[in-house]
């Protein structure tokens, strides 16, 4: 299975992937044309994308890495590529991606790249959540030289997943309320849980 995953992510894929600023610029360009990523350019999807731009701008300014994580990142010796499957309309992605950028900046050994899920389903389907869900964002950690898959993470911290599952199990709850509860958790948590989980994974991936 590991060999299949490695084969799915070629140097060509990485060459065509976006860095953080390119990804943000792409979203802005699409919104200027009243579009988002993917094929669904409905009013709702444009609304989600616009909200996500605001979220990312806010998080770019607000995220502070905890001291333990920052120190660990500065000690990373292995060159890694963090490839993230994402879409502009995905609320979880907007909450997580700015943190990944801060971590890559703090390390200097991590190259962060983004590809769109719906344009790369052959890769997405190697990293399904619970074996069936194309949930994003999905972070795939690759060895910087061999592109061997070292591990993956996502689409959200375990605590956030518990909030999501709990809300979804409430009878007759609207999907909008589920999303609101989830984003309220993100606002309160301030990336603390994601930082803790990714700190643990750094030891495994190195």
Protein backbone atom coordinates (compact mmCIF):
# COMPACT_ATOMS: atom_id res chain seq x y z
CA UNK A 1 0.00 0.00 0.00
CA UNK A 2 2.85 2.37 0.82
CA UNK A 3 4.31 1.79 -2.65
CA UNK A 4 0.99 2.70 -4.29
CA UNK A 5 0.84 5.95 -2.36
CA UNK A 6 4.40 6.87 -3.27
CA UNK A 7 3.77 6.15 -6.93
CA UNK A 8 0.72 8.42 -6.95
CA UNK A 9 2.72 11.51 -6.01
CA UNK A 10 5.24 12.24 -8.73
CA UNK A 11 7.70 15.12 -9.05
CA UNK A 12 5.39 16.46 -11.76
CA UNK A 13 2.54 16.72 -9.26
CA UNK A 14 4.72 18.72 -6.89
CA UNK A 15 6.02 20.92 -9.68
CA UNK A 16 2.48 21.97 -10.59
CA UNK A 17 1.38 22.40 -6.95
CA UNK A 18 0.81 25.82 -5.38
CA UNK A 19 2.82 27.32 -2.57
CA UNK A 20 0.82 29.19 0.08
CA UNK A 21 0.87 32.59 -1.59
CA UNK A 22 0.05 31.11 -5.00
CA UNK A 23 -2.89 29.24 -3.48
CA UNK A 24 -4.19 32.39 -1.83
CA UNK A 25 -3.74 34.38 -5.06
CA UNK A 26 -5.60 31.69 -7.02
CA UNK A 27 -8.58 31.95 -4.68
CA UNK A 28 -8.61 35.75 -4.97
CA UNK A 29 -8.51 35.53 -8.76
CA UNK A 30 -11.41 33.08 -8.83
CA UNK A 31 -13.50 35.18 -6.46
CA UNK A 32 -12.90 38.23 -8.65
CA UNK A 33 -14.71 36.27 -11.39
CA UNK A 34 -17.40 35.13 -8.95
CA UNK A 35 -15.98 31.60 -8.92
CA UNK A 36 -14.34 29.19 -6.53
CA UNK A 37 -12.29 26.03 -6.99
CA UNK A 38 -14.02 23.00 -8.41
CA UNK A 39 -17.06 22.92 -10.68
CA UNK A 40 -19.73 24.25 -8.31
CA UNK A 41 -19.82 28.05 -8.48
CA UNK A 42 -23.14 28.47 -6.69
CA UNK A 43 -23.90 31.45 -4.49
CA UNK A 44 -23.45 29.25 -1.41
CA UNK A 45 -20.02 28.03 -2.49
CA UNK A 46 -18.89 31.58 -3.28
CA UNK A 47 -20.11 32.61 0.17
CA UNK A 48 -18.12 29.82 1.86
CA UNK A 49 -15.02 30.74 -0.10
CA UNK A 50 -15.32 34.42 0.81
CA UNK A 51 -15.69 33.53 4.47
CA UNK A 52 -12.63 31.31 4.23
CA UNK A 53 -10.52 34.13 2.81
CA UNK A 54 -11.46 36.22 5.86
CA UNK A 55 -10.63 33.29 8.16
CA UNK A 56 -7.22 32.78 6.60
CA UNK A 57 -6.37 36.47 6.73
CA UNK A 58 -7.31 36.56 10.40
CA UNK A 59 -5.35 33.42 11.23
CA UNK A 60 -2.30 34.64 9.33
CA UNK A 61 -2.12 37.45 11.89
CA UNK A 62 -3.29 35.62 15.00
CA UNK A 63 -1.59 32.22 15.01
CA UNK A 64 1.28 31.84 17.45
CA UNK A 65 3.15 28.57 17.60
CA UNK A 66 3.58 27.19 21.10
CA UNK A 67 7.19 27.19 22.29
CA UNK A 68 7.57 23.41 22.31
CA UNK A 69 6.39 23.12 18.72
CA UNK A 70 8.53 26.02 17.55
CA UNK A 71 11.64 24.50 19.14
CA UNK A 72 10.86 21.08 17.65
CA UNK A 73 10.40 22.56 14.19
CA UNK A 74 13.77 24.29 14.40
CA UNK A 75 15.38 20.92 15.17
CA UNK A 76 13.91 19.12 12.16
CA UNK A 77 16.78 17.70 10.12
CA UNK A 78 14.95 15.68 7.48
CA UNK A 79 13.89 17.52 4.34
CA UNK A 80 10.15 17.02 3.99
CA UNK A 81 7.42 18.00 1.57
CA UNK A 82 4.01 18.60 3.10
CA UNK A 83 1.49 18.18 0.32
CA UNK A 84 -2.03 19.33 1.21
CA UNK A 85 -5.20 18.33 -0.61
CA UNK A 86 -7.64 21.19 -0.29
CA UNK A 87 -10.40 23.29 -1.89
CA UNK A 88 -11.13 26.99 -1.46
CA UNK A 89 -14.69 26.40 -0.20
CA UNK A 90 -13.62 24.03 2.59
CA UNK A 91 -14.03 25.59 6.03
CA UNK A 92 -11.75 23.11 7.80
CA UNK A 93 -9.00 23.82 5.27
CA UNK A 94 -9.20 27.54 5.97
CA UNK A 95 -8.81 26.86 9.69
CA UNK A 96 -5.79 24.58 9.27
CA UNK A 97 -3.76 25.81 6.28
CA UNK A 98 -2.45 29.04 7.88
CA UNK A 99 -1.07 26.95 10.76
CA UNK A 100 0.77 24.67 8.35
CA UNK A 101 2.31 27.71 6.68
CA UNK A 102 3.52 29.04 10.05
CA UNK A 103 5.05 25.65 10.83
CA UNK A 104 6.84 25.43 7.48
CA UNK A 105 8.23 28.93 7.94
CA UNK A 106 9.50 28.08 11.42
CA UNK A 107 11.29 24.94 10.25
CA UNK A 108 13.10 25.72 7.03
CA UNK A 109 13.16 21.97 6.28
CA UNK A 110 9.49 21.70 5.31
CA UNK A 111 8.33 22.60 1.81
CA UNK A 112 4.58 23.22 1.89
CA UNK A 113 2.57 22.61 -1.29
CA UNK A 114 -1.15 22.60 -2.14
CA UNK A 115 -3.16 20.73 -4.75
CA UNK A 116 -6.91 20.78 -5.36
CA UNK A 117 -8.72 17.64 -4.31
CA UNK A 118 -11.15 17.43 -7.20
CA UNK A 119 -8.34 17.73 -9.73
CA UNK A 120 -6.35 14.98 -8.00
CA UNK A 121 -8.80 12.28 -7.01
CA UNK A 122 -6.30 9.54 -7.83
CA UNK A 123 -4.18 10.89 -4.97
CA UNK A 124 -7.12 11.69 -2.69
CA UNK A 125 -8.40 8.14 -2.96
CA UNK A 126 -5.15 6.82 -1.50
CA UNK A 127 -5.74 8.88 1.66
CA UNK A 128 -9.42 8.46 2.43
CA UNK A 129 -10.68 9.15 5.94
CA UNK A 130 -12.05 5.96 7.52
CA UNK A 131 -11.43 4.27 4.19
CA UNK A 132 -14.32 5.95 2.42
CA UNK A 133 -14.46 9.74 2.84
CA UNK A 134 -12.66 12.26 0.64
CA UNK A 135 -12.41 14.64 3.59
CA UNK A 136 -10.12 17.66 3.39
CA UNK A 137 -7.76 19.16 4.22
CA UNK A 138 -5.49 16.14 4.04
CA UNK A 139 -1.82 16.66 4.78
CA UNK A 140 0.52 14.09 3.23
CA UNK A 141 4.09 14.10 4.53
CA UNK A 142 6.74 13.06 1.99
CA UNK A 143 10.46 12.53 2.27
CA UNK A 144 11.99 15.51 0.50
CA UNK A 145 14.37 13.41 -1.59
CA UNK A 146 12.61 10.11 -2.30
CA UNK A 147 8.97 11.29 -2.06
CA UNK A 148 8.30 8.26 0.15
CA UNK A 149 5.06 8.75 2.08
CA UNK A 150 5.99 9.18 5.74
CA UNK A 151 2.45 9.69 7.01
CA UNK A 152 -0.67 11.80 6.76
CA UNK A 153 -2.96 13.90 8.92
CA UNK A 154 -6.41 15.42 8.63
CA UNK A 155 -9.01 16.53 7.96
CA UNK A 156 -9.26 18.03 11.46
CA UNK A 157 -7.99 17.53 15.02
CA UNK A 158 -9.57 14.67 16.96
CA UNK A 159 -11.33 17.03 19.35
CA UNK A 160 -12.83 18.92 16.42
CA UNK A 161 -13.94 15.62 14.92
CA UNK A 162 -15.70 14.78 18.19
CA UNK A 163 -17.50 18.13 18.07
CA UNK A 164 -18.49 17.49 14.46
CA UNK A 165 -19.71 13.96 15.13
CA UNK A 166 -21.62 15.01 18.23
CA UNK A 167 -23.40 17.84 16.45
CA UNK A 168 -24.23 15.69 13.44
CA UNK A 169 -25.89 13.13 15.69
CA UNK A 170 -28.38 15.65 17.06
CA UNK A 171 -31.81 14.83 15.56
CA UNK A 172 -32.97 17.23 12.85
CA UNK A 173 -29.98 19.54 13.19
CA UNK A 174 -29.29 21.66 10.12
CA UNK A 175 -25.94 21.32 8.38
CA UNK A 176 -25.41 25.05 8.87
CA UNK A 177 -25.66 24.66 12.65
CA UNK A 178 -23.21 21.76 12.57
CA UNK A 179 -20.74 24.01 10.73
CA UNK A 180 -21.33 26.86 13.17
CA UNK A 181 -20.60 24.64 16.17
CA UNK A 182 -17.43 23.39 14.53
CA UNK A 183 -16.14 26.85 13.67
CA UNK A 184 -16.98 28.08 17.17
CA UNK A 185 -14.73 25.29 18.46
CA UNK A 186 -11.94 26.38 16.11
CA UNK A 187 -12.25 29.98 17.32
CA UNK A 188 -12.02 28.91 20.96
CA UNK A 189 -9.26 26.36 20.47
CA UNK A 190 -6.98 28.74 18.52
CA UNK A 191 -5.12 25.86 16.76
CA UNK A 192 -3.97 24.42 20.13
CA UNK A 193 -5.16 20.88 19.37
CA UNK A 194 -3.76 20.85 15.85
CA UNK A 195 -0.39 22.07 17.11
CA UNK A 196 -0.27 19.31 19.73
CA UNK A 197 -1.18 16.57 17.24
CA UNK A 198 1.31 17.75 14.63
CA UNK A 199 4.05 18.02 17.26
CA UNK A 200 3.57 14.34 18.04
CA UNK A 201 3.61 13.43 14.36
CA UNK A 202 6.87 15.25 13.73
CA UNK A 203 8.64 12.66 15.88
CA UNK A 204 7.07 9.85 13.83
CA UNK A 205 7.79 11.42 10.46
CA UNK A 206 11.45 12.15 11.15
